[in-house]
Structures are given as structure tokens and as C-alpha cells.
Amino acid sequence: MSHICQALIIHCMDFRIIKSMREYLENNNLLGDCDAVSIAGGVKDRDFILGQIETSFSLHKIREIIVSNHT
């Protein structure tokens, strides 16, 4: 059985943005249809991020990558 989802979202783990991130996912019909990676500081480690993208695509054939960096 294959499990396919629309997107991979990579975002900062900061608790202050969780509500906004959930609202974004709901508003874009992605809640329950995306892989999520939560990392302290966001997308600073390029090699780690690329590995997560490869894994998500390999497992779930994602069609989109959404990156939200903490500034």
C-alpha cells in the first residue's frame, strides 16, 4: 500500500508559531495531507533539510515543499 501526500512543510519548532502554522495548513487544505519537519531555528542545516526532502519524496511522493524560516 502506498501513502501519498501533497507536501512537505519544514518549519521552526518555536511554540509561538504552532497556531499560525496550523491555520496555514487548514487554509491551504494541507492539514492531514503533508509531512512536517519541525527544527529549532528553521532551515539552517542544508544537508539535513535535503535528507528530509528525499525521505518525504521517497516515502510519500510529495509534490510541494514549503519552507518557513524563523526570523
Protein backbone atom coordinates (compact mmCIF):
# COMPACT_ATOMS: atom_id res chain seq x y z
CA MET A 1 0.00 0.00 0.00
CA SER A 2 1.38 3.42 -0.86
CA HIS A 3 0.79 6.55 1.13
CA ILE A 4 0.93 9.75 -0.88
CA CYS A 5 0.65 13.30 0.41
CA GLN A 6 0.63 16.74 -1.16
CA ALA A 7 3.53 18.47 0.55
CA LEU A 8 6.39 18.57 2.97
CA ILE A 9 6.44 21.53 5.34
CA ILE A 10 9.66 22.44 7.11
CA HIS A 11 9.33 24.98 9.89
CA CYS A 12 10.82 26.25 13.13
CA MET A 13 9.83 24.32 16.23
CA ASP A 14 9.11 27.51 18.23
CA PHE A 15 5.86 27.02 20.15
CA ARG A 16 4.79 30.58 19.32
CA ILE A 17 4.22 29.74 15.65
CA ILE A 18 2.35 26.44 16.02
CA LYS A 19 -1.09 28.05 15.92
CA SER A 20 -0.22 30.09 12.82
CA MET A 21 1.29 27.04 11.15
CA ARG A 22 -1.87 25.01 11.81
CA GLU A 23 -4.03 27.83 10.43
CA TYR A 24 -1.85 27.97 7.31
CA LEU A 25 -2.23 24.22 6.80
CA GLU A 26 -6.00 24.37 7.31
CA ASN A 27 -6.42 27.37 4.98
CA ASN A 28 -4.45 25.62 2.24
CA ASN A 29 -6.15 22.21 2.62
CA LEU A 30 -2.89 20.61 3.79
CA LEU A 31 -3.81 19.60 7.33
CA GLY A 32 -3.61 15.82 7.26
CA ASP A 33 -2.10 15.89 3.77
CA CYS A 34 1.52 16.81 4.44
CA ASP A 35 4.67 15.60 6.08
CA ALA A 36 6.01 18.01 8.69
CA VAL A 37 9.54 18.62 9.91
CA SER A 38 9.97 20.88 12.91
CA ILE A 39 13.53 22.11 13.55
CA ALA A 40 14.98 24.60 16.02
CA GLY A 41 15.68 27.77 14.04
CA GLY A 42 14.16 26.52 10.79
CA VAL A 43 16.20 25.70 7.72
CA LYS A 44 19.81 26.32 8.76
CA ASP A 45 21.23 22.83 8.10
CA ARG A 46 21.08 22.35 4.33
CA ASP A 47 22.21 18.70 4.32
CA PHE A 48 19.66 17.72 6.97
CA ILE A 49 16.89 19.52 5.06
CA LEU A 50 17.83 17.85 1.77
CA GLY A 51 17.75 14.46 3.52
CA GLN A 52 14.27 15.15 4.86
CA ILE A 53 13.08 16.18 1.40
CA GLU A 54 14.50 13.00 -0.13
CA THR A 55 12.87 10.85 2.57
CA SER A 56 9.48 12.54 2.22
CA PHE A 57 9.54 12.19 -1.55
CA SER A 58 10.67 8.59 -1.37
CA LEU A 59 8.00 7.59 1.13
CA HIS A 60 5.07 9.83 0.17
CA LYS A 61 5.75 11.22 -3.32
CA ILE A 62 5.30 14.84 -2.19
CA ARG A 63 4.56 17.41 -4.88
CA GLU A 64 5.35 20.57 -2.91
CA ILE A 65 7.96 21.75 -0.43
CA ILE A 66 7.00 24.57 1.93
CA VAL A 67 9.77 26.21 3.93
CA SER A 68 9.07 28.55 6.83
CA ASN A 69 12.17 30.01 8.42
CA HIS A 70 12.25 31.69 11.84
CA THR A 71 13.44 35.28 11.69
